[in-house]
Amino acid sequence: MSDPSSTTSSSSGSSRPRNIDPVLRNALRYTVSAKEYKLLHQYLISRAPRPVQKRTPAPKRYEDVVKSTDEYFAAAIRASARIWIGTFTALKLWEVVQEKVLMRGKPVPPKVKTPLWKSSNVRLASSLSLIMLFHRLLFRFLTRLRTSLLASNAESFRKRNPRISKTLTSRLAPAVGASCAGFWLGLIPAAQLRVTIAIYVMSRALEFSYNGLEEKGWFKSRPWWFGSWMLMPLSCGQLLHAFVYDRDCFPASYGNFILEKSPEYIQKKPPGYEGKVPWPGTYEIVDSLAEISKLRWPYVQSTNLTRLKRYGRR
């Protein structure tokens, strides 16, 4: 007993090829690859109703339709488009969760209507997808350029331009050149998010550099206590320093988290406080600590402390 999906596929594949519109061909090529369509046909289309199977081409037919001389470019476009769709969908879902779940029972701020191309979700999704696309394209272009310059027929160019040739034929040239795709981070609307991503990328680059040097034996004679764990106290100290002195470049959500989890150090207004002097806010206390430290901790004579001392002596 023959499989109906195989019969349909064979009949579709053996049918006479029809002319397909170039726009439709490019849309199919940049949407689903031949391997992906084969899996899709195997697990989904072959189990669909008979009318659907008749209207869909067989994997062999689809491969002939989307075949191109530059599959790398099509794959880069597909990956970039999927990153855009995935990021935009995730941001929209997060907005729905915030409105329906997290903001339930709380006053919702009014929404400001902005054009689609100015939307923060569109700009963030476009930034990430363009970074991936240009990184792939630049890396491939510079790799091919390096290979061409290292060929024997490019010896005359290397002699005429020794500095340029040395730069372009370096093993790091493709990676460094492809990193220029990171300039698309400027498309992200939130300045704080750009700073956070830049700090994360720089930290990861330093980590990879340290691991590479360690594999090459640069730290053979290091002390036993020297290791990657030292990054934790240094990072925490740098974060707290930025929280006190440079809050404009510090994540606001992390600052709120620090203040919520440290009520013993940055105390909030007591419930029964009815003093004449207004109780300072948490961020005002932090700003005062920064100002006092800049003044090198001047001596302050408190009248209340003086009275307590006198009363204790009695």
C-alpha atoms as a PDB file:
ATOM      1  CA  MET A   1       0.000   0.000   0.000  1.00  0.00           C
ATOM      2  CA  SER A   2       1.683   3.197  -1.151  1.00  0.00           C
ATOM      3  CA  ASP A   3       1.928   6.344   0.897  1.00  0.00           C
ATOM      4  CA  PRO A   4      -0.387   9.060  -0.445  1.00  0.00           C
ATOM      5  CA  SER A   5       2.152  11.766   0.336  1.00  0.00           C
ATOM      6  CA  SER A   6       4.842  10.032  -1.708  1.00  0.00           C
ATOM      7  CA  THR A   7       2.393   9.527  -4.581  1.00  0.00           C
ATOM      8  CA  THR A   8       1.472  13.171  -4.511  1.00  0.00           C
ATOM      9  CA  SER A   9       5.092  14.252  -4.266  1.00  0.00           C
ATOM     10  CA  SER A  10       6.143  12.044  -7.167  1.00  0.00           C
ATOM     11  CA  SER A  11       3.284  13.234  -9.328  1.00  0.00           C
ATOM     12  CA  SER A  12       4.060  16.857  -8.489  1.00  0.00           C
ATOM     13  CA  GLY A  13       7.767  16.376  -9.059  1.00  0.00           C
ATOM     14  CA  SER A  14       7.296  14.598 -12.376  1.00  0.00           C
ATOM     15  CA  SER A  15       4.807  17.151 -13.612  1.00  0.00           C
ATOM     16  CA  ARG A  16       5.826  19.594 -16.248  1.00  0.00           C
ATOM     17  CA  PRO A  17       7.665  22.594 -14.726  1.00  0.00           C
ATOM     18  CA  ARG A  18       5.738  25.798 -14.824  1.00  0.00           C
ATOM     19  CA  ASN A  19       7.089  29.320 -15.099  1.00  0.00           C
ATOM     20  CA  ILE A  20       7.142  31.046 -11.714  1.00  0.00           C
ATOM     21  CA  ASP A  21       7.082  34.779 -11.201  1.00  0.00           C
ATOM     22  CA  PRO A  22      10.570  36.068 -10.228  1.00  0.00           C
ATOM     23  CA  VAL A  23       9.130  38.040  -7.317  1.00  0.00           C
ATOM     24  CA  LEU A  24       7.462  34.907  -5.948  1.00  0.00           C
ATOM     25  CA  ARG A  25      10.646  32.914  -6.470  1.00  0.00           C
ATOM     26  CA  ASN A  26      12.705  35.421  -4.506  1.00  0.00           C
ATOM     27  CA  ALA A  27      10.070  35.550  -1.770  1.00  0.00           C
ATOM     28  CA  LEU A  28      10.204  31.763  -1.423  1.00  0.00           C
ATOM     29  CA  ARG A  29      14.015  31.749  -1.486  1.00  0.00           C
ATOM     30  CA  TYR A  30      14.289  34.353   1.263  1.00  0.00           C
ATOM     31  CA  THR A  31      11.579  32.714   3.396  1.00  0.00           C
ATOM     32  CA  VAL A  32      12.290  28.964   3.556  1.00  0.00           C
ATOM     33  CA  SER A  33      15.354  27.083   2.346  1.00  0.00           C
ATOM     34  CA  ALA A  34      15.150  23.805   0.422  1.00  0.00           C
ATOM     35  CA  LYS A  35      16.239  21.741   3.455  1.00  0.00           C
ATOM     36  CA  GLU A  36      13.711  23.455   5.690  1.00  0.00           C
ATOM     37  CA  TYR A  37      10.954  22.937   3.148  1.00  0.00           C
ATOM     38  CA  LYS A  38      11.839  19.260   2.916  1.00  0.00           C
ATOM     39  CA  LEU A  39      11.394  18.870   6.677  1.00  0.00           C
ATOM     40  CA  LEU A  40       8.218  20.946   6.552  1.00  0.00           C
ATOM     41  CA  HIS A  41       6.870  18.746   3.786  1.00  0.00           C
ATOM     42  CA  GLN A  42       7.817  15.579   5.616  1.00  0.00           C
ATOM     43  CA  TYR A  43       6.270  16.392   8.989  1.00  0.00           C
ATOM     44  CA  LEU A  44       3.449  18.793   8.128  1.00  0.00           C
ATOM     45  CA  ILE A  45       2.389  18.968   4.490  1.00  0.00           C
ATOM     46  CA  SER A  46       2.394  15.183   3.962  1.00  0.00           C
ATOM     47  CA  ARG A  47      -0.183  14.892   6.760  1.00  0.00           C
ATOM     48  CA  ALA A  48      -2.368  17.685   5.459  1.00  0.00           C
ATOM     49  CA  PRO A  49      -5.610  17.108   3.520  1.00  0.00           C
ATOM     50  CA  ARG A  50      -5.386  15.942  -0.095  1.00  0.00           C
ATOM     51  CA  PRO A  51      -6.292  19.361  -1.656  1.00  0.00           C
ATOM     52  CA  VAL A  52      -3.453  21.011   0.260  1.00  0.00           C
ATOM     53  CA  GLN A  53      -0.980  18.342  -0.879  1.00  0.00           C
ATOM     54  CA  LYS A  54      -1.976  18.835  -4.509  1.00  0.00           C
ATOM     55  CA  ARG A  55      -1.378  22.585  -4.351  1.00  0.00           C
ATOM     56  CA  THR A  56       2.058  22.392  -2.707  1.00  0.00           C
ATOM     57  CA  PRO A  57       5.133  21.429  -4.727  1.00  0.00           C
ATOM     58  CA  ALA A  58       7.311  18.439  -3.921  1.00  0.00           C
ATOM     59  CA  PRO A  59      10.672  19.053  -2.188  1.00  0.00           C
ATOM     60  CA  LYS A  60      12.567  18.355  -5.426  1.00  0.00           C
ATOM     61  CA  ARG A  61      10.412  20.814  -7.326  1.00  0.00           C
ATOM     62  CA  TYR A  62      10.828  23.434  -4.605  1.00  0.00           C
ATOM     63  CA  GLU A  63      14.607  22.976  -4.621  1.00  0.00           C
ATOM     64  CA  ASP A  64      14.685  23.572  -8.382  1.00  0.00           C
ATOM     65  CA  VAL A  65      12.585  26.706  -7.969  1.00  0.00           C
ATOM     66  CA  VAL A  66      14.623  28.374  -5.222  1.00  0.00           C
ATOM     67  CA  LYS A  67      18.040  27.244  -6.451  1.00  0.00           C
ATOM     68  CA  SER A  68      20.463  30.165  -6.707  1.00  0.00           C
ATOM     69  CA  THR A  69      24.142  30.774  -7.239  1.00  0.00           C
ATOM     70  CA  ASP A  70      24.482  32.709  -3.958  1.00  0.00           C
ATOM     71  CA  GLU A  71      22.850  30.711  -1.195  1.00  0.00           C
ATOM     72  CA  TYR A  72      24.901  32.521   1.481  1.00  0.00           C
ATOM     73  CA  PHE A  73      23.192  35.849   0.765  1.00  0.00           C
ATOM     74  CA  ALA A  74      19.733  34.248   0.826  1.00  0.00           C
ATOM     75  CA  ALA A  75      20.530  32.541   4.141  1.00  0.00           C
ATOM     76  CA  ALA A  76      21.677  35.851   5.625  1.00  0.00           C
ATOM     77  CA  ILE A  77      18.450  37.544   4.523  1.00  0.00           C
ATOM     78  CA  ARG A  78      16.377  34.704   5.992  1.00  0.00           C
ATOM     79  CA  ALA A  79      18.168  34.848   9.336  1.00  0.00           C
ATOM     80  CA  SER A  80      17.896  38.636   9.493  1.00  0.00           C
ATOM     81  CA  ALA A  81      14.173  38.575   8.709  1.00  0.00           C
ATOM     82  CA  ARG A  82      13.542  35.905  11.347  1.00  0.00           C
ATOM     83  CA  ILE A  83      15.428  37.899  13.969  1.00  0.00           C
ATOM     84  CA  TRP A  84      13.291  40.940  13.139  1.00  0.00           C
ATOM     85  CA  ILE A  85      10.037  38.986  13.331  1.00  0.00           C
ATOM     86  CA  GLY A  86      11.045  37.173  16.522  1.00  0.00           C
ATOM     87  CA  THR A  87      12.227  40.327  18.301  1.00  0.00           C
ATOM     88  CA  PHE A  88       9.202  42.377  17.274  1.00  0.00           C
ATOM     89  CA  THR A  89       6.815  39.606  18.342  1.00  0.00           C
ATOM     90  CA  ALA A  90       8.566  39.170  21.707  1.00  0.00           C
ATOM     91  CA  LEU A  91       8.408  42.913  22.405  1.00  0.00           C
ATOM     92  CA  LYS A  92       4.716  43.032  21.525  1.00  0.00           C
ATOM     93  CA  LEU A  93       4.006  40.080  23.812  1.00  0.00           C
ATOM     94  CA  TRP A  94       5.933  41.769  26.613  1.00  0.00           C
ATOM     95  CA  GLU A  95       3.807  44.892  26.177  1.00  0.00           C
ATOM     96  CA  VAL A  96       0.649  42.795  26.446  1.00  0.00           C
ATOM     97  CA  VAL A  97       1.955  41.060  29.590  1.00  0.00           C
ATOM     98  CA  GLN A  98       2.805  44.396  31.154  1.00  0.00           C
ATOM     99  CA  GLU A  99      -0.613  45.885  30.417  1.00  0.00           C
ATOM    100  CA  LYS A 100      -2.751  42.858  31.302  1.00  0.00           C
ATOM    101  CA  VAL A 101      -0.780  41.280  34.162  1.00  0.00           C
ATOM    102  CA  LEU A 102       1.888  43.497  35.699  1.00  0.00           C
ATOM    103  CA  MET A 103      -0.091  46.755  35.529  1.00  0.00           C
ATOM    104  CA  ARG A 104      -3.362  45.242  36.718  1.00  0.00           C
ATOM    105  CA  GLY A 105      -5.025  47.556  39.231  1.00  0.00           C
ATOM    106  CA  LYS A 106      -2.461  50.315  38.641  1.00  0.00           C
ATOM    107  CA  PRO A 107      -2.903  53.570  36.715  1.00  0.00           C
ATOM    108  CA  VAL A 108      -1.738  53.047  33.144  1.00  0.00           C
ATOM    109  CA  PRO A 109       0.077  56.036  31.618  1.00  0.00           C
ATOM    110  CA  PRO A 110      -1.480  57.350  28.404  1.00  0.00           C
ATOM    111  CA  LYS A 111       0.066  56.086  25.189  1.00  0.00           C
ATOM    112  CA  VAL A 112       1.644  58.526  22.783  1.00  0.00           C
ATOM    113  CA  LYS A 113       0.894  57.745  19.161  1.00  0.00           C
ATOM    114  CA  THR A 114       4.042  57.572  17.041  1.00  0.00           C
ATOM    115  CA  PRO A 115       4.566  56.575  13.400  1.00  0.00           C
ATOM    116  CA  LEU A 116       5.376  52.939  12.769  1.00  0.00           C
ATOM    117  CA  TRP A 117       8.903  53.633  11.613  1.00  0.00           C
ATOM    118  CA  LYS A 118       9.556  55.614  14.820  1.00  0.00           C
ATOM    119  CA  SER A 119       8.214  52.894  17.098  1.00  0.00           C
ATOM    120  CA  SER A 120      10.725  51.663  19.677  1.00  0.00           C
ATOM    121  CA  ASN A 121       9.835  48.034  18.925  1.00  0.00           C
ATOM    122  CA  VAL A 122      10.445  48.476  15.195  1.00  0.00           C
ATOM    123  CA  ARG A 123      13.742  50.273  15.747  1.00  0.00           C
ATOM    124  CA  LEU A 124      15.029  47.699  18.231  1.00  0.00           C
ATOM    125  CA  ALA A 125      14.078  44.768  15.989  1.00  0.00           C
ATOM    126  CA  SER A 126      15.585  46.506  12.947  1.00  0.00           C
ATOM    127  CA  SER A 127      18.813  47.229  14.823  1.00  0.00           C
ATOM    128  CA  LEU A 128      19.376  43.612  15.843  1.00  0.00           C
ATOM    129  CA  SER A 129      18.469  42.204  12.423  1.00  0.00           C
ATOM    130  CA  LEU A 130      20.691  44.689  10.562  1.00  0.00           C
ATOM    131  CA  ILE A 131      23.611  43.950  12.880  1.00  0.00           C
ATOM    132  CA  MET A 132      23.350  40.256  12.060  1.00  0.00           C
ATOM    133  CA  LEU A 133      22.913  40.868   8.317  1.00  0.00           C
ATOM    134  CA  PHE A 134      25.810  43.289   7.903  1.00  0.00           C
ATOM    135  CA  HIS A 135      28.081  41.209  10.122  1.00  0.00           C
ATOM    136  CA  ARG A 136      27.605  38.215   7.837  1.00  0.00           C
ATOM    137  CA  LEU A 137      27.997  40.215   4.640  1.00  0.00           C
ATOM    138  CA  LEU A 138      31.069  42.123   5.831  1.00  0.00           C
ATOM    139  CA  PHE A 139      32.743  39.006   7.183  1.00  0.00           C
ATOM    140  CA  ARG A 140      32.221  37.167   3.907  1.00  0.00           C
ATOM    141  CA  PHE A 141      33.404  40.117   1.802  1.00  0.00           C
ATOM    142  CA  LEU A 142      36.566  40.665   3.848  1.00  0.00           C
ATOM    143  CA  THR A 143      37.330  36.931   3.929  1.00  0.00           C
ATOM    144  CA  ARG A 144      37.110  36.768   0.135  1.00  0.00           C
ATOM    145  CA  LEU A 145      39.182  39.936  -0.185  1.00  0.00           C
ATOM    146  CA  ARG A 146      41.874  38.499   2.076  1.00  0.00           C
ATOM    147  CA  THR A 147      41.961  35.276   0.060  1.00  0.00           C
ATOM    148  CA  SER A 148      42.277  37.223  -3.176  1.00  0.00           C
ATOM    149  CA  LEU A 149      45.099  39.391  -1.840  1.00  0.00           C
ATOM    150  CA  LEU A 150      47.009  36.332  -0.644  1.00  0.00           C
ATOM    151  CA  ALA A 151      46.855  34.753  -4.099  1.00  0.00           C
ATOM    152  CA  SER A 152      49.947  34.729  -6.288  1.00  0.00           C
ATOM    153  CA  ASN A 153      48.411  36.963  -8.951  1.00  0.00           C
ATOM    154  CA  ALA A 154      48.018  39.791  -6.373  1.00  0.00           C
ATOM    155  CA  GLU A 155      51.752  39.998  -5.623  1.00  0.00           C
ATOM    156  CA  SER A 156      52.132  43.225  -7.590  1.00  0.00           C
ATOM    157  CA  PHE A 157      49.386  44.887  -5.539  1.00  0.00           C
ATOM    158  CA  ARG A 158      51.027  43.757  -2.293  1.00  0.00           C
ATOM    159  CA  LYS A 159      54.337  45.287  -3.381  1.00  0.00           C
ATOM    160  CA  ARG A 160      52.753  48.606  -4.378  1.00  0.00           C
ATOM    161  CA  ASN A 161      50.648  48.882  -1.199  1.00  0.00           C
ATOM    162  CA  PRO A 162      52.484  47.077   1.601  1.00  0.00           C
ATOM    163  CA  ARG A 163      50.633  48.712   4.507  1.00  0.00           C
ATOM    164  CA  ILE A 164      47.161  48.233   3.085  1.00  0.00           C
ATOM    165  CA  SER A 165      47.991  44.659   2.118  1.00  0.00           C
ATOM    166  CA  LYS A 166      49.338  43.877   5.567  1.00  0.00           C
ATOM    167  CA  THR A 167      46.142  45.221   7.143  1.00  0.00           C
ATOM    168  CA  LEU A 168      43.731  43.454   4.809  1.00  0.00           C
ATOM    169  CA  THR A 169      45.586  40.136   4.830  1.00  0.00           C
ATOM    170  CA  SER A 170      45.711  39.922   8.619  1.00  0.00           C
ATOM    171  CA  ARG A 171      43.843  37.008  10.172  1.00  0.00           C
ATOM    172  CA  LEU A 172      41.925  39.487  12.328  1.00  0.00           C
ATOM    173  CA  ALA A 173      40.847  41.681   9.414  1.00  0.00           C
ATOM    174  CA  PRO A 174      37.528  39.872   8.674  1.00  0.00           C
ATOM    175  CA  ALA A 175      36.500  39.787  12.329  1.00  0.00           C
ATOM    176  CA  VAL A 176      37.469  43.415  13.018  1.00  0.00           C
ATOM    177  CA  GLY A 177      35.840  44.634   9.826  1.00  0.00           C
ATOM    178  CA  ALA A 178      32.649  42.689  10.474  1.00  0.00           C
ATOM    179  CA  SER A 179      32.416  44.256  13.926  1.00  0.00           C
ATOM    180  CA  CYS A 180      31.604  47.553  12.181  1.00  0.00           C
ATOM    181  CA  ALA A 181      28.081  46.163  11.928  1.00  0.00           C
ATOM    182  CA  GLY A 182      27.760  47.137  15.585  1.00  0.00           C
ATOM    183  CA  PHE A 183      27.205  50.753  14.502  1.00  0.00           C
ATOM    184  CA  TRP A 184      23.603  49.739  13.846  1.00  0.00           C
ATOM    185  CA  LEU A 185      23.204  49.845  17.641  1.00  0.00           C
ATOM    186  CA  GLY A 186      22.681  53.564  17.131  1.00  0.00           C
ATOM    187  CA  LEU A 187      19.257  52.708  15.732  1.00  0.00           C
ATOM    188  CA  ILE A 188      18.065  51.538  19.159  1.00  0.00           C
ATOM    189  CA  PRO A 189      15.907  54.322  20.672  1.00  0.00           C
ATOM    190  CA  ALA A 190      16.797  53.730  24.328  1.00  0.00           C
ATOM    191  CA  ALA A 191      20.202  55.218  25.099  1.00  0.00           C
ATOM    192  CA  GLN A 192      20.497  53.191  28.312  1.00  0.00           C
ATOM    193  CA  LEU A 193      19.930  49.949  26.408  1.00  0.00           C
ATOM    194  CA  ARG A 194      22.711  50.855  23.991  1.00  0.00           C
ATOM    195  CA  VAL A 195      25.069  51.463  26.903  1.00  0.00           C
ATOM    196  CA  THR A 196      24.088  48.146  28.499  1.00  0.00           C
ATOM    197  CA  ILE A 197      24.664  46.197  25.275  1.00  0.00           C
ATOM    198  CA  ALA A 198      27.996  47.938  24.682  1.00  0.00           C
ATOM    199  CA  ILE A 199      29.178  47.129  28.219  1.00  0.00           C
ATOM    200  CA  TYR A 200      28.086  43.513  27.837  1.00  0.00           C
ATOM    201  CA  VAL A 201      29.864  43.110  24.490  1.00  0.00           C
ATOM    202  CA  MET A 202      33.034  44.703  25.834  1.00  0.00           C
ATOM    203  CA  SER A 203      32.970  42.450  28.904  1.00  0.00           C
ATOM    204  CA  ARG A 204      32.533  39.355  26.769  1.00  0.00           C
ATOM    205  CA  ALA A 205      35.365  40.475  24.489  1.00  0.00           C
ATOM    206  CA  LEU A 206      37.655  40.880  27.495  1.00  0.00           C
ATOM    207  CA  GLU A 207      36.633  37.444  28.747  1.00  0.00           C
ATOM    208  CA  PHE A 208      37.404  35.821  25.397  1.00  0.00           C
ATOM    209  CA  SER A 209      40.734  37.661  25.221  1.00  0.00           C
ATOM    210  CA  TYR A 210      41.676  36.420  28.687  1.00  0.00           C
ATOM    211  CA  ASN A 211      40.700  32.839  27.803  1.00  0.00           C
ATOM    212  CA  GLY A 212      42.748  33.032  24.611  1.00  0.00           C
ATOM    213  CA  LEU A 213      45.812  34.296  26.414  1.00  0.00           C
ATOM    214  CA  GLU A 214      45.388  31.625  29.079  1.00  0.00           C
ATOM    215  CA  GLU A 215      45.296  28.872  26.438  1.00  0.00           C
ATOM    216  CA  LYS A 216      48.506  30.224  24.939  1.00  0.00           C
ATOM    217  CA  GLY A 217      50.251  29.951  28.319  1.00  0.00           C
ATOM    218  CA  TRP A 218      50.554  33.617  29.244  1.00  0.00           C
ATOM    219  CA  PHE A 219      49.455  33.015  32.858  1.00  0.00           C
ATOM    220  CA  LYS A 220      51.415  29.903  33.785  1.00  0.00           C
ATOM    221  CA  SER A 221      53.192  31.530  36.742  1.00  0.00           C
ATOM    222  CA  ARG A 222      50.140  33.278  38.156  1.00  0.00           C
ATOM    223  CA  PRO A 223      49.320  33.021  41.904  1.00  0.00           C
ATOM    224  CA  TRP A 224      46.818  30.417  43.017  1.00  0.00           C
ATOM    225  CA  TRP A 225      44.290  33.063  44.050  1.00  0.00           C
ATOM    226  CA  PHE A 226      44.370  34.862  40.696  1.00  0.00           C
ATOM    227  CA  GLY A 227      41.415  33.892  38.539  1.00  0.00           C
ATOM    228  CA  SER A 228      38.219  34.933  36.858  1.00  0.00           C
ATOM    229  CA  TRP A 229      36.432  35.190  40.218  1.00  0.00           C
ATOM    230  CA  MET A 230      38.191  38.528  40.724  1.00  0.00           C
ATOM    231  CA  LEU A 231      35.939  40.058  38.087  1.00  0.00           C
ATOM    232  CA  MET A 232      32.933  39.723  40.407  1.00  0.00           C
ATOM    233  CA  PRO A 233      34.075  42.073  43.230  1.00  0.00           C
ATOM    234  CA  LEU A 234      35.623  44.471  40.729  1.00  0.00           C
ATOM    235  CA  SER A 235      32.408  44.580  38.703  1.00  0.00           C
ATOM    236  CA  CYS A 236      30.239  45.060  41.793  1.00  0.00           C
ATOM    237  CA  GLY A 237      32.489  47.844  43.023  1.00  0.00           C
ATOM    238  CA  GLN A 238      32.369  49.572  39.648  1.00  0.00           C
ATOM    239  CA  LEU A 239      28.588  49.249  39.532  1.00  0.00           C
ATOM    240  CA  LEU A 240      28.142  50.745  43.003  1.00  0.00           C
ATOM    241  CA  HIS A 241      30.558  53.557  42.128  1.00  0.00           C
ATOM    242  CA  ALA A 242      28.504  54.334  39.018  1.00  0.00           C
ATOM    243  CA  PHE A 243      25.279  54.125  41.039  1.00  0.00           C
ATOM    244  CA  VAL A 244      26.496  56.819  43.424  1.00  0.00           C
ATOM    245  CA  TYR A 245      28.478  59.124  41.133  1.00  0.00           C
ATOM    246  CA  ASP A 246      27.316  58.481  37.551  1.00  0.00           C
ATOM    247  CA  ARG A 247      23.662  57.531  37.780  1.00  0.00           C
ATOM    248  CA  ASP A 248      22.918  58.927  34.317  1.00  0.00           C
ATOM    249  CA  CYS A 249      24.743  55.924  32.821  1.00  0.00           C
ATOM    250  CA  PHE A 250      23.414  53.405  35.354  1.00  0.00           C
ATOM    251  CA  PRO A 251      20.375  51.168  34.663  1.00  0.00           C
ATOM    252  CA  ALA A 252      17.380  52.622  36.487  1.00  0.00           C
ATOM    253  CA  SER A 253      15.828  49.191  37.065  1.00  0.00           C
ATOM    254  CA  TYR A 254      19.016  47.932  38.746  1.00  0.00           C
ATOM    255  CA  GLY A 255      19.163  51.070  40.884  1.00  0.00           C
ATOM    256  CA  ASN A 256      15.599  50.515  42.085  1.00  0.00           C
ATOM    257  CA  PHE A 257      16.500  46.901  42.851  1.00  0.00           C
ATOM    258  CA  ILE A 258      19.457  48.005  44.997  1.00  0.00           C
ATOM    259  CA  LEU A 259      17.341  50.457  46.975  1.00  0.00           C
ATOM    260  CA  GLU A 260      14.529  47.959  47.517  1.00  0.00           C
ATOM    261  CA  LYS A 261      16.909  45.280  48.831  1.00  0.00           C
ATOM    262  CA  SER A 262      18.903  47.564  51.141  1.00  0.00           C
ATOM    263  CA  PRO A 263      16.373  49.324  53.439  1.00  0.00           C
ATOM    264  CA  GLU A 264      18.798  49.122  56.381  1.00  0.00           C
ATOM    265  CA  TYR A 265      21.339  51.336  54.589  1.00  0.00           C
ATOM    266  CA  ILE A 266      19.077  53.683  52.624  1.00  0.00           C
ATOM    267  CA  GLN A 267      16.132  54.048  54.974  1.00  0.00           C
ATOM    268  CA  LYS A 268      12.717  55.108  53.793  1.00  0.00           C
ATOM    269  CA  LYS A 269      10.361  57.443  55.615  1.00  0.00           C
ATOM    270  CA  PRO A 270       9.021  55.803  58.813  1.00  0.00           C
ATOM    271  CA  PRO A 271       5.238  55.299  58.881  1.00  0.00           C
ATOM    272  CA  GLY A 272       4.680  57.511  61.944  1.00  0.00           C
ATOM    273  CA  TYR A 273       7.128  60.281  61.108  1.00  0.00           C
ATOM    274  CA  GLU A 274       5.649  63.753  61.697  1.00  0.00           C
ATOM    275  CA  GLY A 275       8.766  65.879  61.892  1.00  0.00           C
ATOM    276  CA  LYS A 276       9.026  69.463  60.723  1.00  0.00           C
ATOM    277  CA  VAL A 277      11.885  68.650  58.356  1.00  0.00           C
ATOM    278  CA  PRO A 278      10.753  66.658  55.290  1.00  0.00           C
ATOM    279  CA  TRP A 279      12.207  63.175  55.068  1.00  0.00           C
ATOM    280  CA  PRO A 280      14.617  62.886  52.128  1.00  0.00           C
ATOM    281  CA  GLY A 281      13.952  60.423  49.336  1.00  0.00           C
ATOM    282  CA  THR A 282      16.158  57.408  48.712  1.00  0.00           C
ATOM    283  CA  TYR A 283      17.914  58.928  45.724  1.00  0.00           C
ATOM    284  CA  GLU A 284      18.380  62.182  47.618  1.00  0.00           C
ATOM    285  CA  ILE A 285      20.213  60.241  50.328  1.00  0.00           C
ATOM    286  CA  VAL A 286      22.472  58.640  47.722  1.00  0.00           C
ATOM    287  CA  ASP A 287      23.163  62.041  46.136  1.00  0.00           C
ATOM    288  CA  SER A 288      24.015  63.438  49.574  1.00  0.00           C
ATOM    289  CA  LEU A 289      26.473  60.594  50.165  1.00  0.00           C
ATOM    290  CA  ALA A 290      28.152  61.405  46.866  1.00  0.00           C
ATOM    291  CA  GLU A 291      28.341  65.108  47.768  1.00  0.00           C
ATOM    292  CA  ILE A 292      29.750  64.374  51.236  1.00  0.00           C
ATOM    293  CA  SER A 293      32.418  62.092  49.784  1.00  0.00           C
ATOM    294  CA  LYS A 294      33.402  64.766  47.255  1.00  0.00           C
ATOM    295  CA  LEU A 295      33.881  67.132  50.193  1.00  0.00           C
ATOM    296  CA  ARG A 296      36.161  64.508  51.787  1.00  0.00           C
ATOM    297  CA  TRP A 297      33.785  63.676  54.630  1.00  0.00           C
ATOM    298  CA  PRO A 298      33.813  66.956  56.587  1.00  0.00           C
ATOM    299  CA  TYR A 299      33.261  66.917  60.330  1.00  0.00           C
ATOM    300  CA  VAL A 300      29.664  67.688  61.290  1.00  0.00           C
ATOM    301  CA  GLN A 301      28.631  68.623  64.821  1.00  0.00           C
ATOM    302  CA  SER A 302      25.143  67.282  65.458  1.00  0.00           C
ATOM    303  CA  THR A 303      23.144  69.086  68.161  1.00  0.00           C
ATOM    304  CA  ASN A 304      21.125  65.951  68.893  1.00  0.00           C
ATOM    305  CA  LEU A 305      24.257  63.894  69.470  1.00  0.00           C
ATOM    306  CA  THR A 306      25.657  66.593  71.732  1.00  0.00           C
ATOM    307  CA  ARG A 307      22.513  66.549  73.849  1.00  0.00           C
ATOM    308  CA  LEU A 308      22.604  62.759  74.112  1.00  0.00           C
ATOM    309  CA  LYS A 309      26.225  62.856  75.256  1.00  0.00           C
ATOM    310  CA  ARG A 310      25.463  65.476  77.917  1.00  0.00           C
ATOM    311  CA  TYR A 311      22.466  63.464  79.099  1.00  0.00           C
ATOM    312  CA  GLY A 312      24.597  60.325  79.312  1.00  0.00           C
ATOM    313  CA  ARG A 313      27.181  62.057  81.447  1.00  0.00           C
ATOM    314  CA  ARG A 314      24.522  63.006  83.945  1.00  0.00           C
END
